[in-house]
Full PDB file with SEQRES, HELIX, SHEET, SSBOND, CRYST1, ORIGX, SCALE, CONECT and MASTER records, all heavy atoms in Angstrom:
SEQRES   1 A   30  SER VAL GLU TRP PRO LEU ILE GLU HIS GLU PRO LEU VAL          
SEQRES   2 A   30  VAL HIS THR ALA LYS LYS PRO GLU PRO GLU ILE PRO GLU          
SEQRES   3 A   30  LYS VAL LYS SER                                              
HELIX    1 AA1 GLU A   21  GLU A   23  5                                   3    
SHEET    1 AA1 3 VAL A   2  GLU A   3  0                                        
SHEET    2 AA1 3 LEU A  12  HIS A  15 -1                                        
SHEET    3 AA1 3 PRO A  25  VAL A  28 -1                                        
CRYST1    1.000    1.000    1.000  90.00  90.00  90.00 P 1           1          
ORIGX1      1.000000  0.000000  0.000000        0.00000                         
ORIGX2      0.000000  1.000000  0.000000        0.00000                         
ORIGX3      0.000000  0.000000  1.000000        0.00000                         
SCALE1      1.000000  0.000000  0.000000        0.00000                         
SCALE2      0.000000  1.000000  0.000000        0.00000                         
SCALE3      0.000000  0.000000  1.000000        0.00000                         
ATOM      1  N   SER A   1      27.322  72.354  34.496  1.00  0.00           N  
ATOM      2  CA  SER A   1      25.876  72.298  34.273  1.00  0.00           C  
ATOM      3  C   SER A   1      25.625  72.486  32.784  1.00  0.00           C  
ATOM      4  O   SER A   1      26.436  73.096  32.072  1.00  0.00           O  
ATOM      5  CB  SER A   1      25.156  73.395  35.062  1.00  0.00           C  
ATOM      6  OG  SER A   1      25.390  73.264  36.450  1.00  0.00           O  
ATOM      7  N   VAL A   2      24.504  71.945  32.311  1.00  0.00           N  
ATOM      8  CA  VAL A   2      24.136  72.089  30.893  1.00  0.00           C  
ATOM      9  C   VAL A   2      22.711  72.611  30.823  1.00  0.00           C  
ATOM     10  O   VAL A   2      21.812  72.051  31.457  1.00  0.00           O  
ATOM     11  CB  VAL A   2      24.246  70.757  30.130  1.00  0.00           C  
ATOM     12  CG1 VAL A   2      24.022  70.991  28.634  1.00  0.00           C  
ATOM     13  CG2 VAL A   2      25.588  70.082  30.367  1.00  0.00           C  
ATOM     14  N   GLU A   3      22.521  73.676  30.045  1.00  0.00           N  
ATOM     15  CA  GLU A   3      21.199  74.259  29.866  1.00  0.00           C  
ATOM     16  C   GLU A   3      20.797  74.217  28.401  1.00  0.00           C  
ATOM     17  O   GLU A   3      21.603  74.443  27.502  1.00  0.00           O  
ATOM     18  CB  GLU A   3      21.179  75.707  30.367  1.00  0.00           C  
ATOM     19  CG  GLU A   3      21.349  75.828  31.862  1.00  0.00           C  
ATOM     20  CD  GLU A   3      21.301  77.261  32.341  1.00  0.00           C  
ATOM     21  OE1 GLU A   3      21.715  78.159  31.577  1.00  0.00           O  
ATOM     22  OE2 GLU A   3      20.838  77.484  33.478  1.00  0.00           O  
ATOM     23  N   TRP A   4      19.510  73.955  28.202  1.00  0.00           N  
ATOM     24  CA  TRP A   4      18.913  73.923  26.866  1.00  0.00           C  
ATOM     25  C   TRP A   4      18.769  75.358  26.350  1.00  0.00           C  
ATOM     26  O   TRP A   4      18.496  76.276  27.122  1.00  0.00           O  
ATOM     27  CB  TRP A   4      17.541  73.275  26.977  1.00  0.00           C  
ATOM     28  CG  TRP A   4      16.971  72.740  25.706  1.00  0.00           C  
ATOM     29  CD1 TRP A   4      16.284  73.436  24.761  1.00  0.00           C  
ATOM     30  CD2 TRP A   4      16.987  71.384  25.267  1.00  0.00           C  
ATOM     31  NE1 TRP A   4      15.873  72.602  23.756  1.00  0.00           N  
ATOM     32  CE2 TRP A   4      16.295  71.328  24.042  1.00  0.00           C  
ATOM     33  CE3 TRP A   4      17.512  70.204  25.798  1.00  0.00           C  
ATOM     34  CZ2 TRP A   4      16.110  70.144  23.326  1.00  0.00           C  
ATOM     35  CZ3 TRP A   4      17.326  69.031  25.086  1.00  0.00           C  
ATOM     36  CH2 TRP A   4      16.640  68.999  23.868  1.00  0.00           C  
ATOM     37  N   PRO A   5      18.926  75.587  25.054  1.00  0.00           N  
ATOM     38  CA  PRO A   5      18.755  76.949  24.524  1.00  0.00           C  
ATOM     39  C   PRO A   5      17.299  77.408  24.601  1.00  0.00           C  
ATOM     40  O   PRO A   5      16.383  76.598  24.628  1.00  0.00           O  
ATOM     41  CB  PRO A   5      19.208  76.822  23.067  1.00  0.00           C  
ATOM     42  CG  PRO A   5      19.014  75.372  22.732  1.00  0.00           C  
ATOM     43  CD  PRO A   5      19.301  74.622  24.000  1.00  0.00           C  
ATOM     44  N   LEU A   6      17.132  78.726  24.633  1.00  0.00           N  
ATOM     45  CA  LEU A   6      15.789  79.294  24.669  1.00  0.00           C  
ATOM     46  C   LEU A   6      15.106  79.235  23.314  1.00  0.00           C  
ATOM     47  O   LEU A   6      13.881  79.211  23.222  1.00  0.00           O  
ATOM     48  CB  LEU A   6      15.843  80.743  25.160  1.00  0.00           C  
ATOM     49  CG  LEU A   6      16.213  80.937  26.631  1.00  0.00           C  
ATOM     50  CD1 LEU A   6      16.421  82.414  26.935  1.00  0.00           C  
ATOM     51  CD2 LEU A   6      15.131  80.358  27.537  1.00  0.00           C  
ATOM     52  N   ILE A   7      15.896  79.238  22.243  1.00  0.00           N  
ATOM     53  CA  ILE A   7      15.358  79.246  20.889  1.00  0.00           C  
ATOM     54  C   ILE A   7      15.816  77.987  20.158  1.00  0.00           C  
ATOM     55  O   ILE A   7      16.984  77.578  20.257  1.00  0.00           O  
ATOM     56  CB  ILE A   7      15.805  80.504  20.122  1.00  0.00           C  
ATOM     57  CG1 ILE A   7      15.304  81.759  20.842  1.00  0.00           C  
ATOM     58  CG2 ILE A   7      15.298  80.489  18.679  1.00  0.00           C  
ATOM     59  CD1 ILE A   7      15.814  83.061  20.264  1.00  0.00           C  
ATOM     60  N   GLU A   8      14.909  77.377  19.424  1.00  0.00           N  
ATOM     61  CA  GLU A   8      15.169  76.125  18.728  1.00  0.00           C  
ATOM     62  C   GLU A   8      16.375  76.236  17.796  1.00  0.00           C  
ATOM     63  O   GLU A   8      16.571  77.264  17.141  1.00  0.00           O  
ATOM     64  CB  GLU A   8      13.923  75.742  17.926  1.00  0.00           C  
ATOM     65  CG  GLU A   8      13.924  74.321  17.427  1.00  0.00           C  
ATOM     66  CD  GLU A   8      12.598  73.961  16.788  1.00  0.00           C  
ATOM     67  OE1 GLU A   8      11.960  74.841  16.171  1.00  0.00           O  
ATOM     68  OE2 GLU A   8      12.199  72.801  16.900  1.00  0.00           O  
ATOM     69  N   HIS A   9      17.174  75.188  17.767  1.00  0.00           N  
ATOM     70  CA  HIS A   9      18.336  75.021  16.891  1.00  0.00           C  
ATOM     71  C   HIS A   9      19.566  75.803  17.348  1.00  0.00           C  
ATOM     72  O   HIS A   9      20.603  75.750  16.697  1.00  0.00           O  
ATOM     73  CB  HIS A   9      18.009  75.375  15.434  1.00  0.00           C  
ATOM     74  CG  HIS A   9      16.874  74.586  14.865  1.00  0.00           C  
ATOM     75  ND1 HIS A   9      16.825  73.205  14.924  1.00  0.00           N  
ATOM     76  CD2 HIS A   9      15.735  74.995  14.239  1.00  0.00           C  
ATOM     77  CE1 HIS A   9      15.707  72.794  14.346  1.00  0.00           C  
ATOM     78  NE2 HIS A   9      15.034  73.852  13.929  1.00  0.00           N  
ATOM     79  N   GLU A  10      19.472  76.548  18.448  1.00  0.00           N  
ATOM     80  CA  GLU A  10      20.666  77.162  19.000  1.00  0.00           C  
ATOM     81  C   GLU A  10      21.435  76.130  19.830  1.00  0.00           C  
ATOM     82  O   GLU A  10      20.873  75.122  20.260  1.00  0.00           O  
ATOM     83  CB  GLU A  10      20.300  78.379  19.850  1.00  0.00           C  
ATOM     84  CG  GLU A  10      19.772  79.549  19.029  1.00  0.00           C  
ATOM     85  CD  GLU A  10      19.678  80.829  19.829  1.00  0.00           C  
ATOM     86  OE1 GLU A  10      19.820  80.788  21.068  1.00  0.00           O  
ATOM     87  OE2 GLU A  10      19.464  81.885  19.199  1.00  0.00           O  
ATOM     88  N   PRO A  11      22.734  76.346  20.073  1.00  0.00           N  
ATOM     89  CA  PRO A  11      23.518  75.352  20.819  1.00  0.00           C  
ATOM     90  C   PRO A  11      23.173  75.311  22.299  1.00  0.00           C  
ATOM     91  O   PRO A  11      22.613  76.261  22.853  1.00  0.00           O  
ATOM     92  CB  PRO A  11      24.963  75.820  20.605  1.00  0.00           C  
ATOM     93  CG  PRO A  11      24.855  77.262  20.277  1.00  0.00           C  
ATOM     94  CD  PRO A  11      23.547  77.451  19.565  1.00  0.00           C  
ATOM     95  N   LEU A  12      23.536  74.207  22.926  1.00  0.00           N  
ATOM     96  CA  LEU A  12      23.441  74.099  24.380  1.00  0.00           C  
ATOM     97  C   LEU A  12      24.428  75.067  25.026  1.00  0.00           C  
ATOM     98  O   LEU A  12      25.383  75.522  24.395  1.00  0.00           O  
ATOM     99  CB  LEU A  12      23.769  72.674  24.824  1.00  0.00           C  
ATOM    100  CG  LEU A  12      22.872  71.549  24.320  1.00  0.00           C  
ATOM    101  CD1 LEU A  12      23.499  70.191  24.635  1.00  0.00           C  
ATOM    102  CD2 LEU A  12      21.484  71.643  24.915  1.00  0.00           C  
ATOM    103  N   VAL A  13      24.197  75.361  26.300  1.00  0.00           N  
ATOM    104  CA  VAL A  13      25.137  76.183  27.065  1.00  0.00           C  
ATOM    105  C   VAL A  13      25.693  75.329  28.200  1.00  0.00           C  
ATOM    106  O   VAL A  13      24.934  74.815  29.032  1.00  0.00           O  
ATOM    107  CB  VAL A  13      24.472  77.451  27.619  1.00  0.00           C  
ATOM    108  CG1 VAL A  13      25.487  78.263  28.428  1.00  0.00           C  
ATOM    109  CG2 VAL A  13      23.896  78.299  26.492  1.00  0.00           C  
ATOM    110  N   VAL A  14      27.010  75.166  28.209  1.00  0.00           N  
ATOM    111  CA  VAL A  14      27.689  74.414  29.268  1.00  0.00           C  
ATOM    112  C   VAL A  14      28.359  75.415  30.208  1.00  0.00           C  
ATOM    113  O   VAL A  14      29.155  76.258  29.772  1.00  0.00           O  
ATOM    114  CB  VAL A  14      28.732  73.445  28.689  1.00  0.00           C  
ATOM    115  CG1 VAL A  14      29.479  72.727  29.824  1.00  0.00           C  
ATOM    116  CG2 VAL A  14      28.071  72.429  27.765  1.00  0.00           C  
ATOM    117  N   HIS A  15      28.027  75.344  31.487  1.00  0.00           N  
ATOM    118  CA  HIS A  15      28.612  76.209  32.512  1.00  0.00           C  
ATOM    119  C   HIS A  15      29.650  75.402  33.290  1.00  0.00           C  
ATOM    120  O   HIS A  15      29.352  74.289  33.746  1.00  0.00           O  
ATOM    121  CB  HIS A  15      27.540  76.709  33.479  1.00  0.00           C  
ATOM    122  CG  HIS A  15      26.458  77.521  32.827  1.00  0.00           C  
ATOM    123  ND1 HIS A  15      26.480  78.892  32.776  1.00  0.00           N  
ATOM    124  CD2 HIS A  15      25.322  77.136  32.191  1.00  0.00           C  
ATOM    125  CE1 HIS A  15      25.404  79.334  32.148  1.00  0.00           C  
ATOM    126  NE2 HIS A  15      24.675  78.292  31.783  1.00  0.00           N  
ATOM    127  N   THR A  16      30.852  75.961  33.446  1.00  0.00           N  
ATOM    128  CA  THR A  16      31.925  75.284  34.176  1.00  0.00           C  
ATOM    129  C   THR A  16      32.277  76.074  35.426  1.00  0.00           C  
ATOM    130  O   THR A  16      32.557  77.286  35.352  1.00  0.00           O  
ATOM    131  CB  THR A  16      33.173  75.124  33.292  1.00  0.00           C  
ATOM    132  OG1 THR A  16      32.811  74.406  32.101  1.00  0.00           O  
ATOM    133  CG2 THR A  16      34.270  74.355  34.028  1.00  0.00           C  
ATOM    134  N   ALA A  17      32.259  75.392  36.562  1.00  0.00           N  
ATOM    135  CA  ALA A  17      32.505  76.057  37.848  1.00  0.00           C  
ATOM    136  C   ALA A  17      33.942  76.539  37.974  1.00  0.00           C  
ATOM    137  O   ALA A  17      34.871  76.012  37.344  1.00  0.00           O  
ATOM    138  CB  ALA A  17      32.182  75.097  38.990  1.00  0.00           C  
ATOM    139  N   LYS A  18      34.122  77.571  38.804  1.00  0.00           N  
ATOM    140  CA  LYS A  18      35.432  78.082  39.244  1.00  0.00           C  
ATOM    141  C   LYS A  18      36.233  78.762  38.141  1.00  0.00           C  
ATOM    142  O   LYS A  18      37.439  78.995  38.310  1.00  0.00           O  
ATOM    143  CB  LYS A  18      36.279  76.954  39.876  1.00  0.00           C  
ATOM    144  CG  LYS A  18      35.553  76.109  40.912  1.00  0.00           C  
ATOM    145  CD  LYS A  18      34.864  76.930  41.978  1.00  0.00           C  
ATOM    146  CE  LYS A  18      34.119  76.044  42.982  1.00  0.00           C  
ATOM    147  NZ  LYS A  18      33.276  76.829  43.907  1.00  0.00           N  
ATOM    148  N   LYS A  19      35.590  79.100  37.052  1.00  0.00           N  
ATOM    149  CA  LYS A  19      36.253  79.905  36.034  1.00  0.00           C  
ATOM    150  C   LYS A  19      35.955  81.373  36.298  1.00  0.00           C  
ATOM    151  O   LYS A  19      35.010  81.703  37.025  1.00  0.00           O  
ATOM    152  CB  LYS A  19      35.743  79.526  34.638  1.00  0.00           C  
ATOM    153  CG  LYS A  19      36.291  78.233  34.073  1.00  0.00           C  
ATOM    154  CD  LYS A  19      35.856  78.072  32.620  1.00  0.00           C  
ATOM    155  CE  LYS A  19      36.550  76.910  31.943  1.00  0.00           C  
ATOM    156  NZ  LYS A  19      36.203  76.842  30.497  1.00  0.00           N  
ATOM    157  N   PRO A  20      36.706  82.296  35.691  1.00  0.00           N  
ATOM    158  CA  PRO A  20      36.314  83.703  35.764  1.00  0.00           C  
ATOM    159  C   PRO A  20      34.897  83.879  35.228  1.00  0.00           C  
ATOM    160  O   PRO A  20      34.512  83.207  34.260  1.00  0.00           O  
ATOM    161  CB  PRO A  20      37.341  84.407  34.874  1.00  0.00           C  
ATOM    162  CG  PRO A  20      38.527  83.494  34.870  1.00  0.00           C  
ATOM    163  CD  PRO A  20      37.962  82.094  34.970  1.00  0.00           C  
ATOM    164  N   GLU A  21      34.117  84.731  35.836  1.00  0.00           N  
ATOM    165  CA  GLU A  21      32.689  84.835  35.540  1.00  0.00           C  
ATOM    166  C   GLU A  21      32.363  84.899  34.039  1.00  0.00           C  
ATOM    167  O   GLU A  21      31.482  84.174  33.575  1.00  0.00           O  
ATOM    168  CB  GLU A  21      32.101  86.057  36.264  1.00  0.00           C  
ATOM    169  CG  GLU A  21      30.580  86.075  36.315  1.00  0.00           C  
ATOM    170  CD  GLU A  21      29.992  85.008  37.224  1.00  0.00           C  
ATOM    171  OE1 GLU A  21      30.724  84.517  38.120  1.00  0.00           O  
ATOM    172  OE2 GLU A  21      28.823  84.657  37.030  1.00  0.00           O  
ATOM    173  N   PRO A  22      33.061  85.697  33.245  1.00  0.00           N  
ATOM    174  CA  PRO A  22      32.710  85.747  31.817  1.00  0.00           C  
ATOM    175  C   PRO A  22      33.002  84.448  31.066  1.00  0.00           C  
ATOM    176  O   PRO A  22      32.464  84.216  29.986  1.00  0.00           O  
ATOM    177  CB  PRO A  22      33.592  86.889  31.276  1.00  0.00           C  
ATOM    178  CG  PRO A  22      34.006  87.685  32.460  1.00  0.00           C  
ATOM    179  CD  PRO A  22      34.098  86.694  33.582  1.00  0.00           C  
ATOM    180  N   GLU A  23      33.857  83.597  31.636  1.00  0.00           N  
ATOM    181  CA  GLU A  23      34.259  82.361  30.958  1.00  0.00           C  
ATOM    182  C   GLU A  23      33.444  81.147  31.396  1.00  0.00           C  
ATOM    183  O   GLU A  23      33.619  80.056  30.856  1.00  0.00           O  
ATOM    184  CB  GLU A  23      35.747  82.095  31.203  1.00  0.00           C  
ATOM    185  CG  GLU A  23      36.664  83.178  30.664  1.00  0.00           C  
ATOM    186  CD  GLU A  23      38.124  82.913  31.010  1.00  0.00           C  
ATOM    187  OE1 GLU A  23      38.456  81.749  31.335  1.00  0.00           O  
ATOM    188  OE2 GLU A  23      38.923  83.874  30.983  1.00  0.00           O  
ATOM    189  N   ILE A  24      32.562  81.330  32.361  1.00  0.00           N  
ATOM    190  CA  ILE A  24      31.784  80.189  32.871  1.00  0.00           C  
ATOM    191  C   ILE A  24      30.908  79.558  31.789  1.00  0.00           C  
ATOM    192  O   ILE A  24      30.928  78.345  31.605  1.00  0.00           O  
ATOM    193  CB  ILE A  24      30.942  80.611  34.093  1.00  0.00           C  
ATOM    194  CG1 ILE A  24      31.855  80.859  35.300  1.00  0.00           C  
ATOM    195  CG2 ILE A  24      29.907  79.532  34.433  1.00  0.00           C  
ATOM    196  CD1 ILE A  24      31.142  81.420  36.507  1.00  0.00           C  
ATOM    197  N   PRO A  25      30.142  80.342  31.012  1.00  0.00           N  
ATOM    198  CA  PRO A  25      29.293  79.715  30.003  1.00  0.00           C  
ATOM    199  C   PRO A  25      30.020  79.532  28.671  1.00  0.00           C  
ATOM    200  O   PRO A  25      30.845  80.354  28.270  1.00  0.00           O  
ATOM    201  CB  PRO A  25      28.145  80.716  29.853  1.00  0.00           C  
ATOM    202  CG  PRO A  25      28.766  82.044  30.137  1.00  0.00           C  
ATOM    203  CD  PRO A  25      29.866  81.793  31.133  1.00  0.00           C  
ATOM    204  N   GLU A  26      29.698  78.418  28.015  1.00  0.00           N  
ATOM    205  CA  GLU A  26      30.245  78.133  26.692  1.00  0.00           C  
ATOM    206  C   GLU A  26      29.153  77.494  25.845  1.00  0.00           C  
ATOM    207  O   GLU A  26      28.487  76.554  26.287  1.00  0.00           O  
ATOM    208  CB  GLU A  26      31.436  77.184  26.794  1.00  0.00           C  
ATOM    209  CG  GLU A  26      32.024  76.766  25.464  1.00  0.00           C  
ATOM    210  CD  GLU A  26      33.091  75.676  25.603  1.00  0.00           C  
ATOM    211  OE1 GLU A  26      33.317  75.208  26.738  1.00  0.00           O  
ATOM    212  OE2 GLU A  26      33.661  75.289  24.568  1.00  0.00           O  
ATOM    213  N   LYS A  27      28.950  78.002  24.651  1.00  0.00           N  
ATOM    214  CA  LYS A  27      27.968  77.403  23.747  1.00  0.00           C  
ATOM    215  C   LYS A  27      28.582  76.158  23.109  1.00  0.00           C  
ATOM    216  O   LYS A  27      29.685  76.211  22.560  1.00  0.00           O  
ATOM    217  CB  LYS A  27      27.536  78.404  22.680  1.00  0.00           C  
ATOM    218  CG  LYS A  27      26.705  79.554  23.224  1.00  0.00           C  
ATOM    219  CD  LYS A  27      26.222  80.474  22.115  1.00  0.00           C  
ATOM    220  CE  LYS A  27      25.323  81.583  22.676  1.00  0.00           C  
ATOM    221  NZ  LYS A  27      24.826  82.482  21.608  1.00  0.00           N  
ATOM    222  N   VAL A  28      27.839  75.057  23.195  1.00  0.00           N  
ATOM    223  CA  VAL A  28      28.346  73.770  22.706  1.00  0.00           C  
ATOM    224  C   VAL A  28      27.275  73.099  21.853  1.00  0.00           C  
ATOM    225  O   VAL A  28      26.135  72.927  22.296  1.00  0.00           O  
ATOM    226  CB  VAL A  28      28.735  72.837  23.874  1.00  0.00           C  
ATOM    227  CG1 VAL A  28      29.153  71.468  23.362  1.00  0.00           C  
ATOM    228  CG2 VAL A  28      29.838  73.457  24.715  1.00  0.00           C  
ATOM    229  N   LYS A  29      27.637  72.711  20.653  1.00  0.00           N  
ATOM    230  CA  LYS A  29      26.720  71.948  19.807  1.00  0.00           C  
ATOM    231  C   LYS A  29      26.765  70.490  20.230  1.00  0.00           C  
ATOM    232  O   LYS A  29      27.838  69.881  20.310  1.00  0.00           O  
ATOM    233  CB  LYS A  29      27.096  72.081  18.335  1.00  0.00           C  
ATOM    234  CG  LYS A  29      26.141  71.351  17.402  1.00  0.00           C  
ATOM    235  CD  LYS A  29      26.543  71.513  15.946  1.00  0.00           C  
ATOM    236  CE  LYS A  29      25.580  70.743  15.048  1.00  0.00           C  
ATOM    237  NZ  LYS A  29      25.962  70.858  13.612  1.00  0.00           N  
ATOM    238  N   SER A  30      25.615  69.926  20.489  1.00  0.00           N  
ATOM    239  CA  SER A  30      25.560  68.527  20.914  1.00  0.00           C  
ATOM    240  C   SER A  30      26.039  67.626  19.782  1.00  0.00           C  
ATOM    241  O   SER A  30      25.619  67.785  18.633  1.00  0.00           O  
ATOM    242  CB  SER A  30      24.131  68.151  21.298  1.00  0.00           C  
ATOM    243  OG  SER A  30      24.073  66.795  21.677  1.00  0.00           O  
TER     244      SER A  30                                                      
MASTER        0    0    0    1    3    0    0    6  243    1    0    3          
END                                                                             
C-alpha cells in the first residue's frame, strides 16, 4: 500500500505485507 505524507514535501510511505511489524512501513521518495 502507498500513503501520502501528512505534511507537504515529506516522502510517501510504502507498506509491505507480511514483514515484521516495525519493518512494514518504508519512507520512499517518488
